[in-house]
C-alpha atoms as a PDB file:
ATOM      1  CA  MET A   1     -19.038   5.509  13.476  1.00  0.00           C
ATOM      2  CA  ASN A   2     -15.441   6.855  12.540  1.00  0.00           C
ATOM      3  CA  LEU A   3     -13.870   8.131   9.123  1.00  0.00           C
ATOM      4  CA  LEU A   4     -10.735   6.178   7.657  1.00  0.00           C
ATOM      5  CA  ILE A   5      -8.372   8.041   5.200  1.00  0.00           C
ATOM      6  CA  ASP A   6      -5.747   6.529   3.148  1.00  0.00           C
ATOM      7  CA  LEU A   7      -4.140   9.333   1.860  1.00  0.00           C
ATOM      8  CA  GLY A   8      -0.978   8.261  -0.688  1.00  0.00           C
ATOM      9  CA  ASN A   9       0.562  10.279  -3.461  1.00  0.00           C
ATOM     10  CA  THR A  10      -1.511  10.231  -6.305  1.00  0.00           C
ATOM     11  CA  ALA A  11      -4.899   8.898  -4.848  1.00  0.00           C
ATOM     12  CA  LEU A  12      -6.916   9.562  -1.407  1.00  0.00           C
ATOM     13  CA  LYS A  13      -8.895   6.733  -0.824  1.00  0.00           C
ATOM     14  CA  TRP A  14     -11.840   6.963   2.420  1.00  0.00           C
ATOM     15  CA  ALA A  15     -14.311   4.507   3.658  1.00  0.00           C
ATOM     16  CA  THR A  16     -15.940   4.079   7.121  1.00  0.00           C
ATOM     17  CA  SER A  17     -14.229   2.066  10.151  1.00  0.00           C
ATOM     18  CA  ASP A  18     -17.587  -0.332   9.542  1.00  0.00           C
ATOM     19  CA  GLU A  19     -16.875  -1.315   5.987  1.00  0.00           C
ATOM     20  CA  PRO A  20     -13.247  -0.141   5.885  1.00  0.00           C
ATOM     21  CA  GLU A  21     -13.063  -2.712   2.876  1.00  0.00           C
ATOM     22  CA  SER A  22     -15.897  -0.277   0.746  1.00  0.00           C
ATOM     23  CA  PRO A  23     -13.667   2.848  -0.050  1.00  0.00           C
ATOM     24  CA  HIS A  24     -14.650   5.572  -2.193  1.00  0.00           C
ATOM     25  CA  THR A  25     -11.658   7.605  -4.167  1.00  0.00           C
ATOM     26  CA  LEU A  26     -10.516  10.420  -5.132  1.00  0.00           C
ATOM     27  CA  VAL A  27      -7.280  10.837  -7.943  1.00  0.00           C
ATOM     28  CA  HIS A  28      -5.023  13.604  -6.731  1.00  0.00           C
ATOM     29  CA  GLY A  29      -1.802  13.268  -8.321  1.00  0.00           C
ATOM     30  CA  GLY A  30      -0.582  15.656  -6.178  1.00  0.00           C
ATOM     31  CA  SER A  31      -2.623  19.155  -6.357  1.00  0.00           C
ATOM     32  CA  HIS A  32      -4.759  20.214  -3.479  1.00  0.00           C
ATOM     33  CA  HIS A  33      -7.837  20.898  -6.400  1.00  0.00           C
ATOM     34  CA  PHE A  34      -9.585  17.765  -5.180  1.00  0.00           C
ATOM     35  CA  SER A  35     -10.683  19.155  -1.731  1.00  0.00           C
ATOM     36  CA  GLU A  36     -13.953  20.762  -2.870  1.00  0.00           C
ATOM     37  CA  LYS A  37     -15.351  17.094  -4.023  1.00  0.00           C
ATOM     38  CA  LEU A  38     -14.217  15.568  -0.702  1.00  0.00           C
ATOM     39  CA  LEU A  39     -16.018  18.898   1.004  1.00  0.00           C
ATOM     40  CA  GLN A  40     -19.026  17.676  -0.910  1.00  0.00           C
ATOM     41  CA  ALA A  41     -18.531  13.608  -0.195  1.00  0.00           C
ATOM     42  CA  LEU A  42     -18.359  14.280   3.580  1.00  0.00           C
ATOM     43  CA  GLN A  43     -20.737  16.794   4.562  1.00  0.00           C
ATOM     44  CA  GLY A  44     -24.001  15.936   6.600  1.00  0.00           C
ATOM     45  CA  GLN A  45     -22.061  12.684   7.403  1.00  0.00           C
ATOM     46  CA  SER A  46     -21.431  11.982  10.588  1.00  0.00           C
ATOM     47  CA  PHE A  47     -17.920  10.713  12.820  1.00  0.00           C
ATOM     48  CA  GLU A  48     -16.979  10.282  16.118  1.00  0.00           C
ATOM     49  CA  HIS A  49     -13.368  10.316  15.086  1.00  0.00           C
ATOM     50  CA  VAL A  50     -11.453  10.484  11.581  1.00  0.00           C
ATOM     51  CA  TYR A  51      -7.642   8.435  11.837  1.00  0.00           C
ATOM     52  CA  GLY A  52      -5.432   8.901   8.830  1.00  0.00           C
ATOM     53  CA  CYS A  53      -2.377   6.957   7.111  1.00  0.00           C
ATOM     54  CA  SER A  54      -0.866   9.589   4.729  1.00  0.00           C
ATOM     55  CA  VAL A  55       2.772   8.619   2.989  1.00  0.00           C
ATOM     56  CA  ALA A  56       1.841  11.985   0.612  1.00  0.00           C
ATOM     57  CA  SER A  57       3.075  15.779   1.083  1.00  0.00           C
ATOM     58  CA  ARG A  58       3.001  17.467   3.959  1.00  0.00           C
ATOM     59  CA  ASP A  59       1.356  20.496   2.618  1.00  0.00           C
ATOM     60  CA  LEU A  60      -1.455  17.968   1.048  1.00  0.00           C
ATOM     61  CA  THR A  61      -1.943  16.351   4.085  1.00  0.00           C
ATOM     62  CA  LEU A  62      -2.454  19.561   6.293  1.00  0.00           C
ATOM     63  CA  SER A  63      -4.927  20.399   3.402  1.00  0.00           C
ATOM     64  CA  VAL A  64      -7.559  17.145   4.102  1.00  0.00           C
ATOM     65  CA  SER A  65      -6.547  17.836   8.023  1.00  0.00           C
ATOM     66  CA  ARG A  66      -8.147  21.673   7.752  1.00  0.00           C
ATOM     67  CA  LEU A  67     -10.957  20.325   5.665  1.00  0.00           C
ATOM     68  CA  VAL A  68     -11.952  17.021   7.768  1.00  0.00           C
ATOM     69  CA  GLU A  69     -11.471  19.870  11.003  1.00  0.00           C
ATOM     70  CA  SER A  70     -13.863  22.121   8.987  1.00  0.00           C
ATOM     71  CA  LEU A  71     -16.863  19.671   9.505  1.00  0.00           C
ATOM     72  CA  GLY A  72     -15.866  19.462  13.662  1.00  0.00           C
ATOM     73  CA  VAL A  73     -14.205  16.404  13.569  1.00  0.00           C
ATOM     74  CA  LYS A  74     -10.756  15.871  15.005  1.00  0.00           C
ATOM     75  CA  ILE A  75      -8.281  14.085  12.294  1.00  0.00           C
ATOM     76  CA  THR A  76      -5.463  11.645  13.786  1.00  0.00           C
ATOM     77  CA  TRP A  77      -2.665  10.762  11.396  1.00  0.00           C
ATOM     78  CA  LEU A  78      -1.637   7.064  12.821  1.00  0.00           C
ATOM     79  CA  LYS A  79       2.257   6.495  12.066  1.00  0.00           C
ATOM     80  CA  ALA A  80       3.966   3.252  12.409  1.00  0.00           C
ATOM     81  CA  GLN A  81       3.972   2.243  15.881  1.00  0.00           C
ATOM     82  CA  GLN A  82       6.908  -0.258  17.835  1.00  0.00           C
ATOM     83  CA  ARG A  83       4.075  -3.239  18.328  1.00  0.00           C
ATOM     84  CA  TYR A  84       0.561  -3.719  17.247  1.00  0.00           C
ATOM     85  CA  GLN A  85      -1.556  -5.709  19.756  1.00  0.00           C
ATOM     86  CA  GLY A  86      -5.062  -6.226  18.719  1.00  0.00           C
ATOM     87  CA  GLU A  87      -6.530  -9.704  18.285  1.00  0.00           C
ATOM     88  CA  PHE A  88      -3.161 -10.157  17.636  1.00  0.00           C
ATOM     89  CA  VAL A  89       0.654  -9.056  17.991  1.00  0.00           C
ATOM     90  CA  LEU A  90       2.615  -7.829  14.907  1.00  0.00           C
ATOM     91  CA  ARG A  91       6.543  -6.440  16.161  1.00  0.00           C
ATOM     92  CA  ASN A  92       8.028  -3.430  14.055  1.00  0.00           C
ATOM     93  CA  SER A  93      11.607  -4.546  13.179  1.00  0.00           C
ATOM     94  CA  TYR A  94      12.638  -1.078  11.853  1.00  0.00           C
ATOM     95  CA  LYS A  95      15.000   0.395  13.990  1.00  0.00           C
ATOM     96  CA  THR A  96      13.727   3.374  14.534  1.00  0.00           C
ATOM     97  CA  PRO A  97       9.817   2.551  14.499  1.00  0.00           C
ATOM     98  CA  THR A  98       8.384   5.492  13.172  1.00  0.00           C
ATOM     99  CA  GLN A  99      10.388   5.725   9.952  1.00  0.00           C
ATOM    100  CA  LEU A 100       8.395   2.779   8.595  1.00  0.00           C
ATOM    101  CA  GLY A 101       6.253   4.126   5.848  1.00  0.00           C
ATOM    102  CA  SER A 102       2.642   4.349   7.389  1.00  0.00           C
ATOM    103  CA  ASP A 103       1.188   3.075   4.651  1.00  0.00           C
ATOM    104  CA  ARG A 104       2.984  -0.403   4.915  1.00  0.00           C
ATOM    105  CA  TRP A 105       2.414  -0.767   8.791  1.00  0.00           C
ATOM    106  CA  HIS A 106      -1.407  -0.883   8.177  1.00  0.00           C
ATOM    107  CA  ALA A 107      -1.071  -3.270   5.099  1.00  0.00           C
ATOM    108  CA  ALA A 108       0.762  -5.502   7.025  1.00  0.00           C
ATOM    109  CA  ILE A 109      -1.629  -4.643   9.377  1.00  0.00           C
ATOM    110  CA  GLY A 110      -4.542  -5.697   7.300  1.00  0.00           C
ATOM    111  CA  ALA A 111      -2.724  -8.820   5.839  1.00  0.00           C
ATOM    112  CA  VAL A 112      -1.986 -10.420   8.756  1.00  0.00           C
ATOM    113  CA  SER A 113      -5.876 -10.059   9.844  1.00  0.00           C
ATOM    114  CA  PHE A 114      -6.659 -12.414   7.099  1.00  0.00           C
ATOM    115  CA  LEU A 115      -4.191 -14.693   7.630  1.00  0.00           C
ATOM    116  CA  PRO A 116      -2.605 -14.909  10.890  1.00  0.00           C
ATOM    117  CA  GLN A 117       0.056 -16.705  12.053  1.00  0.00           C
ATOM    118  CA  GLN A 118       1.220 -17.310   8.171  1.00  0.00           C
ATOM    119  CA  PRO A 119       4.291 -16.032   7.085  1.00  0.00           C
ATOM    120  CA  LEU A 120       3.561 -13.381   4.505  1.00  0.00           C
ATOM    121  CA  LEU A 121       5.071 -11.233   1.943  1.00  0.00           C
ATOM    122  CA  VAL A 122       2.961  -8.086   1.551  1.00  0.00           C
ATOM    123  CA  VAL A 123       3.322  -6.982  -1.778  1.00  0.00           C
ATOM    124  CA  HIS A 124       1.831  -3.474  -2.466  1.00  0.00           C
ATOM    125  CA  VAL A 125       2.321  -2.222  -6.288  1.00  0.00           C
ATOM    126  CA  GLY A 126       1.773   1.626  -6.685  1.00  0.00           C
ATOM    127  CA  THR A 127       3.596   4.748  -7.469  1.00  0.00           C
ATOM    128  CA  ALA A 128       6.234   2.954  -5.624  1.00  0.00           C
ATOM    129  CA  THR A 129       6.231  -1.021  -5.809  1.00  0.00           C
ATOM    130  CA  THR A 130       7.054  -2.383  -1.741  1.00  0.00           C
ATOM    131  CA  VAL A 131       7.696  -6.016  -0.865  1.00  0.00           C
ATOM    132  CA  ASP A 132       7.572  -6.593   2.578  1.00  0.00           C
ATOM    133  CA  CYS A 133       8.603  -9.757   4.935  1.00  0.00           C
ATOM    134  CA  VAL A 134       5.896 -10.655   8.065  1.00  0.00           C
ATOM    135  CA  PHE A 135       6.265 -13.829   9.693  1.00  0.00           C
ATOM    136  CA  PRO A 136       5.436 -15.876  13.198  1.00  0.00           C
ATOM    137  CA  GLU A 137       7.597 -15.864  15.907  1.00  0.00           C
ATOM    138  CA  ASP A 138       7.253 -16.593  19.648  1.00  0.00           C
ATOM    139  CA  GLY A 139       3.139 -16.427  18.707  1.00  0.00           C
ATOM    140  CA  GLU A 140       3.178 -12.942  17.958  1.00  0.00           C
ATOM    141  CA  MET A 141       3.945 -11.821  14.283  1.00  0.00           C
ATOM    142  CA  VAL A 142       6.925  -9.741  12.739  1.00  0.00           C
ATOM    143  CA  PHE A 143       7.253  -7.366  10.616  1.00  0.00           C
ATOM    144  CA  ALA A 144      11.121  -8.155   9.230  1.00  0.00           C
ATOM    145  CA  GLY A 145      11.358  -5.559   6.812  1.00  0.00           C
ATOM    146  CA  GLY A 146      10.975  -5.013   3.092  1.00  0.00           C
ATOM    147  CA  ARG A 147      12.484  -4.428  -0.229  1.00  0.00           C
ATOM    148  CA  ILE A 148      11.638  -0.364  -1.606  1.00  0.00           C
ATOM    149  CA  ALA A 149      11.107   0.414  -5.868  1.00  0.00           C
ATOM    150  CA  PRO A 150      10.413   2.414  -8.197  1.00  0.00           C
ATOM    151  CA  GLY A 151       6.678   1.135  -9.448  1.00  0.00           C
ATOM    152  CA  VAL A 152       5.440   0.484 -12.733  1.00  0.00           C
ATOM    153  CA  VAL A 153       4.427   3.535 -13.709  1.00  0.00           C
ATOM    154  CA  LEU A 154       7.756   5.582 -12.383  1.00  0.00           C
ATOM    155  CA  MET A 155       9.756   3.020 -13.934  1.00  0.00           C
ATOM    156  CA  ARG A 156       7.989   4.094 -17.457  1.00  0.00           C
ATOM    157  CA  ASP A 157       8.029   7.958 -16.680  1.00  0.00           C
ATOM    158  CA  SER A 158      11.820   7.746 -15.999  1.00  0.00           C
ATOM    159  CA  LEU A 159      13.010   6.350 -19.457  1.00  0.00           C
ATOM    160  CA  VAL A 160      10.913   8.708 -21.112  1.00  0.00           C
ATOM    161  CA  THR A 161      12.348  11.867 -18.679  1.00  0.00           C
ATOM    162  CA  GLY A 162      16.171  10.504 -18.812  1.00  0.00           C
ATOM    163  CA  THR A 163      16.654   9.273 -22.508  1.00  0.00           C
ATOM    164  CA  ALA A 164      15.960  11.407 -25.332  1.00  0.00           C
ATOM    165  CA  THR A 165      14.455   8.543 -27.907  1.00  0.00           C
ATOM    166  CA  LEU A 166      12.405   6.365 -26.068  1.00  0.00           C
ATOM    167  CA  PRO A 167       8.900   6.236 -26.053  1.00  0.00           C
ATOM    168  CA  LYS A 168       6.200   6.480 -23.150  1.00  0.00           C
ATOM    169  CA  ALA A 169       5.979   2.813 -24.142  1.00  0.00           C
ATOM    170  CA  ASP A 170       2.319   1.620 -23.544  1.00  0.00           C
ATOM    171  CA  GLY A 171       2.141  -2.153 -25.063  1.00  0.00           C
ATOM    172  CA  GLU A 172       2.413  -5.860 -24.199  1.00  0.00           C
ATOM    173  CA  TYR A 173       4.502  -8.617 -22.021  1.00  0.00           C
ATOM    174  CA  ALA A 174       6.447 -10.869 -24.797  1.00  0.00           C
ATOM    175  CA  ASP A 175       9.198 -14.061 -23.905  1.00  0.00           C
ATOM    176  CA  PHE A 176      10.983 -12.342 -26.961  1.00  0.00           C
ATOM    177  CA  PRO A 177       9.746  -8.982 -27.153  1.00  0.00           C
ATOM    178  CA  THR A 178      10.809  -7.510 -31.336  1.00  0.00           C
ATOM    179  CA  ASP A 179       9.960  -3.639 -31.127  1.00  0.00           C
ATOM    180  CA  THR A 180      11.240  -0.702 -28.360  1.00  0.00           C
ATOM    181  CA  MET A 181       7.536  -0.370 -26.560  1.00  0.00           C
ATOM    182  CA  THR A 182       6.941  -4.218 -26.345  1.00  0.00           C
ATOM    183  CA  GLY A 183      11.150  -4.446 -24.745  1.00  0.00           C
ATOM    184  CA  ILE A 184       9.929  -1.401 -22.260  1.00  0.00           C
ATOM    185  CA  VAL A 185       7.077  -3.041 -20.654  1.00  0.00           C
ATOM    186  CA  THR A 186       8.146  -6.284 -20.636  1.00  0.00           C
ATOM    187  CA  GLY A 187      11.999  -4.875 -18.878  1.00  0.00           C
ATOM    188  CA  ILE A 188       9.462  -2.958 -16.265  1.00  0.00           C
ATOM    189  CA  VAL A 189       7.149  -5.913 -15.650  1.00  0.00           C
ATOM    190  CA  ASP A 190      10.529  -8.399 -14.951  1.00  0.00           C
ATOM    191  CA  SER A 191      11.954  -5.798 -13.282  1.00  0.00           C
ATOM    192  CA  GLN A 192       9.008  -5.675 -10.876  1.00  0.00           C
ATOM    193  CA  LEU A 193       8.240 -10.179 -10.664  1.00  0.00           C
ATOM    194  CA  GLY A 194      12.472  -9.751  -9.766  1.00  0.00           C
ATOM    195  CA  LEU A 195      11.907  -7.741  -7.010  1.00  0.00           C
ATOM    196  CA  ILE A 196       9.135 -10.130  -5.884  1.00  0.00           C
ATOM    197  CA  GLU A 197      11.053 -12.830  -6.269  1.00  0.00           C
ATOM    198  CA  ARG A 198      13.797 -11.939  -4.644  1.00  0.00           C
ATOM    199  CA  GLY A 199      12.113 -11.325  -1.637  1.00  0.00           C
ATOM    200  CA  MET A 200      10.057 -14.974  -1.587  1.00  0.00           C
ATOM    201  CA  ARG A 201      13.869 -16.459  -2.074  1.00  0.00           C
ATOM    202  CA  VAL A 202      15.004 -14.829   1.211  1.00  0.00           C
ATOM    203  CA  MET A 203      11.742 -15.496   3.109  1.00  0.00           C
ATOM    204  CA  GLN A 204      12.703 -19.434   2.139  1.00  0.00           C
ATOM    205  CA  GLN A 205      16.171 -19.095   3.017  1.00  0.00           C
ATOM    206  CA  HIS A 206      15.463 -18.495   6.571  1.00  0.00           C
ATOM    207  CA  HIS A 207      13.375 -21.974   6.382  1.00  0.00           C
ATOM    208  CA  PHE A 208       9.657 -19.369   5.520  1.00  0.00           C
ATOM    209  CA  GLU A 209       7.243 -20.768   2.640  1.00  0.00           C
ATOM    210  CA  PRO A 210       5.218 -17.216   2.447  1.00  0.00           C
ATOM    211  CA  THR A 211       1.984 -16.540   0.615  1.00  0.00           C
ATOM    212  CA  LEU A 212       2.232 -13.708  -1.256  1.00  0.00           C
ATOM    213  CA  VAL A 213      -0.975 -10.998  -0.886  1.00  0.00           C
ATOM    214  CA  LEU A 214      -0.632  -8.521  -3.451  1.00  0.00           C
ATOM    215  CA  ALA A 215      -2.245  -5.168  -3.375  1.00  0.00           C
ATOM    216  CA  GLY A 216      -1.988  -1.639  -4.987  1.00  0.00           C
ATOM    217  CA  GLY A 217      -3.089   0.406  -7.781  1.00  0.00           C
ATOM    218  CA  ALA A 218      -1.712  -1.225  -9.857  1.00  0.00           C
ATOM    219  CA  VAL A 219      -2.309  -4.621  -9.379  1.00  0.00           C
ATOM    220  CA  ALA A 220      -5.047  -5.124 -11.760  1.00  0.00           C
ATOM    221  CA  ARG A 221      -2.098  -4.689 -14.901  1.00  0.00           C
ATOM    222  CA  PHE A 222       0.413  -6.213 -12.546  1.00  0.00           C
ATOM    223  CA  ALA A 223      -1.515  -9.610 -11.900  1.00  0.00           C
ATOM    224  CA  PRO A 224      -1.720 -11.703 -14.281  1.00  0.00           C
ATOM    225  CA  TYR A 225       2.029 -11.811 -14.581  1.00  0.00           C
ATOM    226  CA  LEU A 226       2.677 -12.258 -10.753  1.00  0.00           C
ATOM    227  CA  MET A 227      -0.360 -15.118 -10.853  1.00  0.00           C
ATOM    228  CA  LYS A 228       1.926 -17.283 -13.850  1.00  0.00           C
ATOM    229  CA  GLU A 229       5.054 -17.048 -11.941  1.00  0.00           C
ATOM    230  CA  PHE A 230       3.135 -17.588  -7.724  1.00  0.00           C
ATOM    231  CA  PRO A 231      -0.175 -19.126  -8.980  1.00  0.00           C
ATOM    232  CA  ASP A 232      -1.446 -18.661  -5.017  1.00  0.00           C
ATOM    233  CA  SER A 233      -1.056 -15.705  -4.846  1.00  0.00           C
ATOM    234  CA  ILE A 234      -3.600 -13.617  -2.870  1.00  0.00           C
ATOM    235  CA  VAL A 235      -5.431 -10.670  -4.055  1.00  0.00           C
ATOM    236  CA  LYS A 236      -6.261  -8.584  -1.270  1.00  0.00           C
ATOM    237  CA  HIS A 237      -7.967  -4.412  -2.103  1.00  0.00           C
ATOM    238  CA  ASN A 238      -7.121  -1.799   0.645  1.00  0.00           C
ATOM    239  CA  LEU A 239      -5.276  -3.550   3.481  1.00  0.00           C
ATOM    240  CA  VAL A 240      -3.968  -0.328   4.349  1.00  0.00           C
ATOM    241  CA  LEU A 241      -7.874   1.126   5.155  1.00  0.00           C
ATOM    242  CA  ARG A 242      -8.273  -2.428   6.751  1.00  0.00           C
ATOM    243  CA  GLY A 243      -5.388  -1.698   9.486  1.00  0.00           C
ATOM    244  CA  LEU A 244      -6.550   1.419  10.143  1.00  0.00           C
ATOM    245  CA  ALA A 245     -10.112   0.118  10.683  1.00  0.00           C
ATOM    246  CA  LEU A 246      -8.111  -2.369  13.294  1.00  0.00           C
ATOM    247  CA  ARG A 247      -6.643  -0.009  15.298  1.00  0.00           C
ATOM    248  CA  SER A 248      -9.021   2.286  15.562  1.00  0.00           C
ATOM    249  CA  LYS A 249     -11.292   0.151  17.462  1.00  0.00           C
ATOM    250  CA  GLY A 250     -10.196  -0.302  20.859  1.00  0.00           C
ATOM    251  CA  ALA A 251      -5.972  -1.176  19.784  1.00  0.00           C
ATOM    252  CA  VAL A 252      -3.458   0.870  21.517  1.00  0.00           C
ATOM    253  CA  LEU A 253      -3.138   4.096  19.351  1.00  0.00           C
END
């Protein structure tokens, strides 16, 4: 059995390769102070190998590597590939494939495993919001590329730090906002929806009708708004861990 680690900008998730959809989570916010909790959680367990995906800082990634190796287990940080080949094939259209974020690549693998041979718009709402286009071509799946923008919290915090008087908004969406906090929340939600709508429109212009697959830490807050616009959307948590699990099970790494 292998251990899988998804190290993001604000949280770390880990699960076994047998149960990638039942993870444990530690919020770190960029700090190393969570290491002791992770060590306590992993001690006494036996793993053949550890496979990880990281978009966190180099220092934080090294810290996790040292912690895992202190348990006598090797860790391999997997990057995006030019081509994934397992139960299906997924081609990476990036000019330099390894420049694609490892989390986006493994999320795409995870999404395709749920919905093979279907055009997909894979949306991850977290520290950043990513909208990735995946579609079938010549019997294979293609990661065609995607859009990246600040996530919900980054958008909100940028208004707080970049202006003198705007508050740190926390409110509800409104069709016609009549106060500043509601206006900020509505503007942020509409910005996120607009990014997704544009990704959907581009796919349709290329004659695809994609299924929208939604994941990420901000899903619980954002999904109700998205479902109004795209009622056929599917929420799938832990796509990155699912992708890591597939790569760890005999696929070409």
